[in-house]
PDB file of N, CA and C in Angstrom:
ATOM      1  N   UNK A   1     -15.289 -26.266 -32.727  1.00  0.00           N
ATOM      2  CA  UNK A   1     -14.950 -26.254 -34.147  1.00  0.00           C
ATOM      3  C   UNK A   1     -16.084 -25.558 -34.911  1.00  0.00           C
ATOM      4  N   UNK A   2     -15.713 -24.717 -35.824  1.00  0.00           N
ATOM      5  CA  UNK A   2     -16.672 -23.960 -36.615  1.00  0.00           C
ATOM      6  C   UNK A   2     -17.229 -24.828 -37.745  1.00  0.00           C
ATOM      7  N   UNK A   3     -18.482 -24.623 -38.077  1.00  0.00           N
ATOM      8  CA  UNK A   3     -19.133 -25.369 -39.144  1.00  0.00           C
ATOM      9  C   UNK A   3     -18.507 -25.038 -40.498  1.00  0.00           C
ATOM     10  N   UNK A   4     -18.352 -26.076 -41.328  1.00  0.00           N
ATOM     11  CA  UNK A   4     -17.854 -25.873 -42.697  1.00  0.00           C
ATOM     12  C   UNK A   4     -18.961 -26.108 -43.723  1.00  0.00           C
ATOM     13  N   UNK A   5     -20.186 -26.237 -43.253  1.00  0.00           N
ATOM     14  CA  UNK A   5     -21.309 -26.435 -44.162  1.00  0.00           C
ATOM     15  C   UNK A   5     -21.495 -25.214 -45.050  1.00  0.00           C
ATOM     16  N   UNK A   6     -21.981 -25.442 -46.243  1.00  0.00           N
ATOM     17  CA  UNK A   6     -22.200 -24.366 -47.202  1.00  0.00           C
ATOM     18  C   UNK A   6     -23.080 -23.274 -46.606  1.00  0.00           C
ATOM     19  N   UNK A   7     -24.128 -23.668 -45.912  1.00  0.00           N
ATOM     20  CA  UNK A   7     -25.067 -22.680 -45.370  1.00  0.00           C
ATOM     21  C   UNK A   7     -24.433 -21.778 -44.307  1.00  0.00           C
ATOM     22  N   UNK A   8     -23.304 -22.218 -43.749  1.00  0.00           N
ATOM     23  CA  UNK A   8     -22.655 -21.473 -42.677  1.00  0.00           C
ATOM     24  C   UNK A   8     -21.393 -20.734 -43.117  1.00  0.00           C
ATOM     25  N   UNK A   9     -21.085 -20.762 -44.418  1.00  0.00           N
ATOM     26  CA  UNK A   9     -19.841 -20.173 -44.905  1.00  0.00           C
ATOM     27  C   UNK A   9     -20.065 -19.323 -46.147  1.00  0.00           C
ATOM     28  N   UNK A  10     -19.124 -18.426 -46.383  1.00  0.00           N
ATOM     29  CA  UNK A  10     -19.117 -17.655 -47.624  1.00  0.00           C
ATOM     30  C   UNK A  10     -18.211 -18.364 -48.621  1.00  0.00           C
ATOM     31  N   UNK A  11     -18.276 -17.962 -49.860  1.00  0.00           N
ATOM     32  CA  UNK A  11     -17.411 -18.548 -50.882  1.00  0.00           C
ATOM     33  C   UNK A  11     -15.942 -18.364 -50.507  1.00  0.00           C
ATOM     34  N   UNK A  12     -15.581 -17.186 -50.024  1.00  0.00           N
ATOM     35  CA  UNK A  12     -14.198 -16.918 -49.643  1.00  0.00           C
ATOM     36  C   UNK A  12     -13.768 -17.818 -48.487  1.00  0.00           C
ATOM     37  N   UNK A  13     -14.655 -18.036 -47.541  1.00  0.00           N
ATOM     38  CA  UNK A  13     -14.335 -18.935 -46.428  1.00  0.00           C
ATOM     39  C   UNK A  13     -14.150 -20.368 -46.920  1.00  0.00           C
ATOM     40  N   UNK A  14     -14.991 -20.798 -47.859  1.00  0.00           N
ATOM     41  CA  UNK A  14     -14.869 -22.156 -48.399  1.00  0.00           C
ATOM     42  C   UNK A  14     -13.552 -22.340 -49.149  1.00  0.00           C
ATOM     43  N   UNK A  15     -13.134 -21.325 -49.903  1.00  0.00           N
ATOM     44  CA  UNK A  15     -11.841 -21.399 -50.587  1.00  0.00           C
ATOM     45  C   UNK A  15     -10.717 -21.570 -49.558  1.00  0.00           C
ATOM     46  N   UNK A  16     -10.777 -20.822 -48.479  1.00  0.00           N
ATOM     47  CA  UNK A  16      -9.763 -20.901 -47.429  1.00  0.00           C
ATOM     48  C   UNK A  16      -9.801 -22.268 -46.738  1.00  0.00           C
ATOM     49  N   UNK A  17     -10.992 -22.771 -46.472  1.00  0.00           N
ATOM     50  CA  UNK A  17     -11.145 -24.088 -45.835  1.00  0.00           C
ATOM     51  C   UNK A  17     -10.484 -25.164 -46.680  1.00  0.00           C
ATOM     52  N   UNK A  18     -10.754 -25.164 -47.983  1.00  0.00           N
ATOM     53  CA  UNK A  18     -10.183 -26.171 -48.885  1.00  0.00           C
ATOM     54  C   UNK A  18      -8.671 -26.026 -48.937  1.00  0.00           C
ATOM     55  N   UNK A  19      -8.193 -24.820 -49.111  1.00  0.00           N
ATOM     56  CA  UNK A  19      -6.752 -24.577 -49.208  1.00  0.00           C
ATOM     57  C   UNK A  19      -6.034 -25.041 -47.934  1.00  0.00           C
ATOM     58  N   UNK A  20      -6.558 -24.677 -46.771  1.00  0.00           N
ATOM     59  CA  UNK A  20      -5.922 -25.052 -45.511  1.00  0.00           C
ATOM     60  C   UNK A  20      -6.002 -26.557 -45.256  1.00  0.00           C
ATOM     61  N   UNK A  21      -7.116 -27.167 -45.591  1.00  0.00           N
ATOM     62  CA  UNK A  21      -7.269 -28.611 -45.378  1.00  0.00           C
ATOM     63  C   UNK A  21      -6.313 -29.395 -46.266  1.00  0.00           C
ATOM     64  N   UNK A  22      -6.159 -28.971 -47.492  1.00  0.00           N
ATOM     65  CA  UNK A  22      -5.282 -29.687 -48.415  1.00  0.00           C
ATOM     66  C   UNK A  22      -3.828 -29.512 -48.034  1.00  0.00           C
ATOM     67  N   UNK A  23      -3.461 -28.331 -47.601  1.00  0.00           N
ATOM     68  CA  UNK A  23      -2.083 -28.092 -47.169  1.00  0.00           C
ATOM     69  C   UNK A  23      -1.769 -28.965 -45.966  1.00  0.00           C
ATOM     70  N   UNK A  24      -2.718 -29.124 -45.071  1.00  0.00           N
ATOM     71  CA  UNK A  24      -2.518 -29.949 -43.892  1.00  0.00           C
ATOM     72  C   UNK A  24      -2.460 -31.432 -44.211  1.00  0.00           C
ATOM     73  N   UNK A  25      -3.094 -31.848 -45.296  1.00  0.00           N
ATOM     74  CA  UNK A  25      -3.141 -33.267 -45.649  1.00  0.00           C
ATOM     75  C   UNK A  25      -1.816 -33.795 -46.166  1.00  0.00           C
ATOM     76  N   UNK A  26      -1.212 -33.059 -47.061  1.00  0.00           N
ATOM     77  CA  UNK A  26       0.015 -33.586 -47.667  1.00  0.00           C
ATOM     78  C   UNK A  26       1.244 -32.753 -47.329  1.00  0.00           C
ATOM     79  N   UNK A  27       1.041 -31.586 -46.737  1.00  0.00           N
ATOM     80  CA  UNK A  27       2.174 -30.776 -46.307  1.00  0.00           C
ATOM     81  C   UNK A  27       2.784 -29.882 -47.363  1.00  0.00           C
ATOM     82  N   UNK A  28       2.128 -29.746 -48.501  1.00  0.00           N
ATOM     83  CA  UNK A  28       2.658 -28.847 -49.519  1.00  0.00           C
ATOM     84  C   UNK A  28       1.522 -28.116 -50.202  1.00  0.00           C
ATOM     85  N   UNK A  29       1.852 -27.007 -50.820  1.00  0.00           N
ATOM     86  CA  UNK A  29       0.853 -26.249 -51.571  1.00  0.00           C
ATOM     87  C   UNK A  29       0.458 -27.043 -52.813  1.00  0.00           C
ATOM     88  N   UNK A  30      -0.737 -26.821 -53.283  1.00  0.00           N
ATOM     89  CA  UNK A  30      -1.242 -27.564 -54.439  1.00  0.00           C
ATOM     90  C   UNK A  30      -0.695 -27.045 -55.771  1.00  0.00           C
ATOM     91  N   UNK A  31      -0.288 -25.789 -55.806  1.00  0.00           N
ATOM     92  CA  UNK A  31       0.188 -25.229 -57.055  1.00  0.00           C
ATOM     93  C   UNK A  31       1.387 -26.025 -57.556  1.00  0.00           C
ATOM     94  N   UNK A  32       1.329 -26.448 -58.780  1.00  0.00           N
ATOM     95  CA  UNK A  32       2.362 -27.229 -59.459  1.00  0.00           C
ATOM     96  C   UNK A  32       2.506 -28.647 -58.909  1.00  0.00           C
ATOM     97  N   UNK A  33       1.567 -29.078 -58.091  1.00  0.00           N
ATOM     98  CA  UNK A  33       1.598 -30.437 -57.555  1.00  0.00           C
ATOM     99  C   UNK A  33       0.685 -31.301 -58.421  1.00  0.00           C
ATOM    100  N   UNK A  34       1.122 -32.483 -58.761  1.00  0.00           N
ATOM    101  CA  UNK A  34       0.273 -33.367 -59.559  1.00  0.00           C
ATOM    102  C   UNK A  34      -0.117 -34.607 -58.766  1.00  0.00           C
ATOM    103  N   UNK A  35       0.002 -34.564 -57.457  1.00  0.00           N
ATOM    104  CA  UNK A  35      -0.295 -35.712 -56.619  1.00  0.00           C
ATOM    105  C   UNK A  35      -1.689 -36.246 -56.821  1.00  0.00           C
ATOM    106  N   UNK A  36      -2.678 -35.386 -56.831  1.00  0.00           N
ATOM    107  CA  UNK A  36      -4.054 -35.835 -57.000  1.00  0.00           C
ATOM    108  C   UNK A  36      -4.326 -36.273 -58.436  1.00  0.00           C
ATOM    109  N   UNK A  37      -3.657 -35.634 -59.399  1.00  0.00           N
ATOM    110  CA  UNK A  37      -3.775 -36.073 -60.791  1.00  0.00           C
ATOM    111  C   UNK A  37      -3.314 -37.520 -60.907  1.00  0.00           C
ATOM    112  N   UNK A  38      -2.218 -37.836 -60.219  1.00  0.00           N
ATOM    113  CA  UNK A  38      -1.666 -39.191 -60.272  1.00  0.00           C
ATOM    114  C   UNK A  38      -2.598 -40.218 -59.644  1.00  0.00           C
ATOM    115  N   UNK A  39      -3.448 -39.782 -58.720  1.00  0.00           N
ATOM    116  CA  UNK A  39      -4.411 -40.681 -58.083  1.00  0.00           C
ATOM    117  C   UNK A  39      -5.716 -40.768 -58.863  1.00  0.00           C
ATOM    118  N   UNK A  40      -5.818 -40.040 -59.958  1.00  0.00           N
ATOM    119  CA  UNK A  40      -7.015 -40.087 -60.783  1.00  0.00           C
ATOM    120  C   UNK A  40      -8.082 -39.091 -60.384  1.00  0.00           C
ATOM    121  N   UNK A  41      -7.758 -38.196 -59.480  1.00  0.00           N
ATOM    122  CA  UNK A  41      -8.744 -37.235 -58.993  1.00  0.00           C
ATOM    123  C   UNK A  41      -8.810 -35.949 -59.771  1.00  0.00           C
ATOM    124  N   UNK A  42      -7.868 -35.727 -60.638  1.00  0.00           N
ATOM    125  CA  UNK A  42      -7.832 -34.474 -61.365  1.00  0.00           C
ATOM    126  C   UNK A  42      -7.230 -33.386 -60.501  1.00  0.00           C
ATOM    127  N   UNK A  43      -7.205 -32.186 -61.023  1.00  0.00           N
ATOM    128  CA  UNK A  43      -6.649 -31.073 -60.261  1.00  0.00           C
ATOM    129  C   UNK A  43      -7.508 -30.848 -59.028  1.00  0.00           C
ATOM    130  N   UNK A  44      -6.875 -30.750 -57.884  1.00  0.00           N
ATOM    131  CA  UNK A  44      -7.580 -30.717 -56.615  1.00  0.00           C
ATOM    132  C   UNK A  44      -8.503 -29.511 -56.484  1.00  0.00           C
ATOM    133  N   UNK A  45      -8.101 -28.368 -57.007  1.00  0.00           N
ATOM    134  CA  UNK A  45      -8.987 -27.209 -56.902  1.00  0.00           C
ATOM    135  C   UNK A  45     -10.261 -27.433 -57.703  1.00  0.00           C
ATOM    136  N   UNK A  46     -10.191 -28.225 -58.753  1.00  0.00           N
ATOM    137  CA  UNK A  46     -11.384 -28.542 -59.534  1.00  0.00           C
ATOM    138  C   UNK A  46     -12.220 -29.616 -58.854  1.00  0.00           C
ATOM    139  N   UNK A  47     -11.578 -30.526 -58.160  1.00  0.00           N
ATOM    140  CA  UNK A  47     -12.303 -31.559 -57.429  1.00  0.00           C
ATOM    141  C   UNK A  47     -13.230 -30.925 -56.387  1.00  0.00           C
ATOM    142  N   UNK A  48     -12.755 -29.895 -55.710  1.00  0.00           N
ATOM    143  CA  UNK A  48     -13.545 -29.240 -54.664  1.00  0.00           C
ATOM    144  C   UNK A  48     -14.262 -27.979 -55.135  1.00  0.00           C
ATOM    145  N   UNK A  49     -14.224 -27.703 -56.416  1.00  0.00           N
ATOM    146  CA  UNK A  49     -14.910 -26.528 -56.974  1.00  0.00           C
ATOM    147  C   UNK A  49     -16.408 -26.517 -56.640  1.00  0.00           C
ATOM    148  N   UNK A  50     -17.129 -27.645 -56.716  1.00  0.00           N
ATOM    149  CA  UNK A  50     -18.557 -27.616 -56.369  1.00  0.00           C
ATOM    150  C   UNK A  50     -18.809 -27.174 -54.926  1.00  0.00           C
ATOM    151  N   UNK A  51     -17.905 -27.502 -54.007  1.00  0.00           N
ATOM    152  CA  UNK A  51     -18.046 -27.034 -52.626  1.00  0.00           C
ATOM    153  C   UNK A  51     -17.802 -25.528 -52.562  1.00  0.00           C
ATOM    154  N   UNK A  52     -16.724 -25.097 -53.172  1.00  0.00           N
ATOM    155  CA  UNK A  52     -16.395 -23.669 -53.159  1.00  0.00           C
ATOM    156  C   UNK A  52     -17.529 -22.858 -53.759  1.00  0.00           C
ATOM    157  N   UNK A  53     -18.150 -23.364 -54.811  1.00  0.00           N
ATOM    158  CA  UNK A  53     -19.254 -22.662 -55.474  1.00  0.00           C
ATOM    159  C   UNK A  53     -20.589 -22.825 -54.745  1.00  0.00           C
ATOM    160  N   UNK A  54     -20.614 -23.649 -53.698  1.00  0.00           N
ATOM    161  CA  UNK A  54     -21.840 -23.820 -52.922  1.00  0.00           C
ATOM    162  C   UNK A  54     -22.813 -24.832 -53.483  1.00  0.00           C
ATOM    163  N   UNK A  55     -22.332 -25.764 -54.287  1.00  0.00           N
ATOM    164  CA  UNK A  55     -23.200 -26.742 -54.932  1.00  0.00           C
ATOM    165  C   UNK A  55     -23.248 -28.094 -54.227  1.00  0.00           C
ATOM    166  N   UNK A  56     -22.134 -28.494 -53.611  1.00  0.00           N
ATOM    167  CA  UNK A  56     -22.056 -29.788 -52.920  1.00  0.00           C
ATOM    168  C   UNK A  56     -21.233 -29.619 -51.653  1.00  0.00           C
ATOM    169  N   UNK A  57     -21.620 -30.351 -50.624  1.00  0.00           N
ATOM    170  CA  UNK A  57     -20.846 -30.342 -49.387  1.00  0.00           C
ATOM    171  C   UNK A  57     -19.560 -31.150 -49.585  1.00  0.00           C
ATOM    172  N   UNK A  58     -18.565 -30.865 -48.773  1.00  0.00           N
ATOM    173  CA  UNK A  58     -17.301 -31.593 -48.842  1.00  0.00           C
ATOM    174  C   UNK A  58     -17.537 -33.093 -48.681  1.00  0.00           C
ATOM    175  N   UNK A  59     -18.400 -33.454 -47.761  1.00  0.00           N
ATOM    176  CA  UNK A  59     -18.657 -34.883 -47.517  1.00  0.00           C
ATOM    177  C   UNK A  59     -19.204 -35.578 -48.760  1.00  0.00           C
ATOM    178  N   UNK A  60     -20.031 -34.891 -49.536  1.00  0.00           N
ATOM    179  CA  UNK A  60     -20.573 -35.470 -50.769  1.00  0.00           C
ATOM    180  C   UNK A  60     -19.467 -35.690 -51.798  1.00  0.00           C
ATOM    181  N   UNK A  61     -18.603 -34.713 -51.925  1.00  0.00           N
ATOM    182  CA  UNK A  61     -17.497 -34.816 -52.888  1.00  0.00           C
ATOM    183  C   UNK A  61     -16.559 -35.946 -52.491  1.00  0.00           C
ATOM    184  N   UNK A  62     -16.223 -36.008 -51.207  1.00  0.00           N
ATOM    185  CA  UNK A  62     -15.330 -37.077 -50.736  1.00  0.00           C
ATOM    186  C   UNK A  62     -15.946 -38.451 -50.962  1.00  0.00           C
ATOM    187  N   UNK A  63     -17.234 -38.569 -50.724  1.00  0.00           N
ATOM    188  CA  UNK A  63     -17.920 -39.847 -50.923  1.00  0.00           C
ATOM    189  C   UNK A  63     -17.898 -40.262 -52.394  1.00  0.00           C
ATOM    190  N   UNK A  64     -18.155 -39.321 -53.292  1.00  0.00           N
ATOM    191  CA  UNK A  64     -18.128 -39.612 -54.724  1.00  0.00           C
ATOM    192  C   UNK A  64     -16.728 -40.012 -55.182  1.00  0.00           C
ATOM    193  N   UNK A  65     -15.724 -39.351 -54.656  1.00  0.00           N
ATOM    194  CA  UNK A  65     -14.339 -39.638 -55.022  1.00  0.00           C
ATOM    195  C   UNK A  65     -13.927 -41.027 -54.542  1.00  0.00           C
ATOM    196  N   UNK A  66     -14.362 -41.376 -53.336  1.00  0.00           N
ATOM    197  CA  UNK A  66     -13.974 -42.627 -52.699  1.00  0.00           C
ATOM    198  C   UNK A  66     -14.777 -43.829 -53.206  1.00  0.00           C
ATOM    199  N   UNK A  67     -15.978 -43.620 -53.697  1.00  0.00           N
ATOM    200  CA  UNK A  67     -16.886 -44.713 -54.071  1.00  0.00           C
ATOM    201  C   UNK A  67     -16.248 -45.760 -54.992  1.00  0.00           C
ATOM    202  N   UNK A  68     -15.564 -45.388 -56.060  1.00  0.00           N
ATOM    203  CA  UNK A  68     -14.975 -46.407 -56.927  1.00  0.00           C
ATOM    204  C   UNK A  68     -13.843 -47.196 -56.259  1.00  0.00           C
ATOM    205  N   UNK A  69     -13.282 -46.640 -55.190  1.00  0.00           N
ATOM    206  CA  UNK A  69     -12.149 -47.272 -54.526  1.00  0.00           C
ATOM    207  C   UNK A  69     -12.571 -48.259 -53.461  1.00  0.00           C
ATOM    208  N   UNK A  70     -13.817 -48.130 -52.984  1.00  0.00           N
ATOM    209  CA  UNK A  70     -14.315 -48.980 -51.904  1.00  0.00           C
ATOM    210  C   UNK A  70     -15.146 -50.106 -52.504  1.00  0.00           C
ATOM    211  N   UNK A  71     -14.875 -51.324 -52.074  1.00  0.00           N
ATOM    212  CA  UNK A  71     -15.618 -52.466 -52.600  1.00  0.00           C
ATOM    213  C   UNK A  71     -16.419 -53.118 -51.521  1.00  0.00           C
TER     214      UNK A  71
END
């Protein structure tokens, strides 16, 4: 399996990683989908924008998103 860490990917690769991972998770494209909005996560492309921009790893974003849900 290829690394998805920021240091090992380009911005274009990160966009593709997010798009493919999300499509695999729920089985539909994100465009016009409000599934994540309904869960309180906001628009999914914005949720993962810090990863795409190289600011935060996916694991950090997932942890921040999940933190309020875990007790």
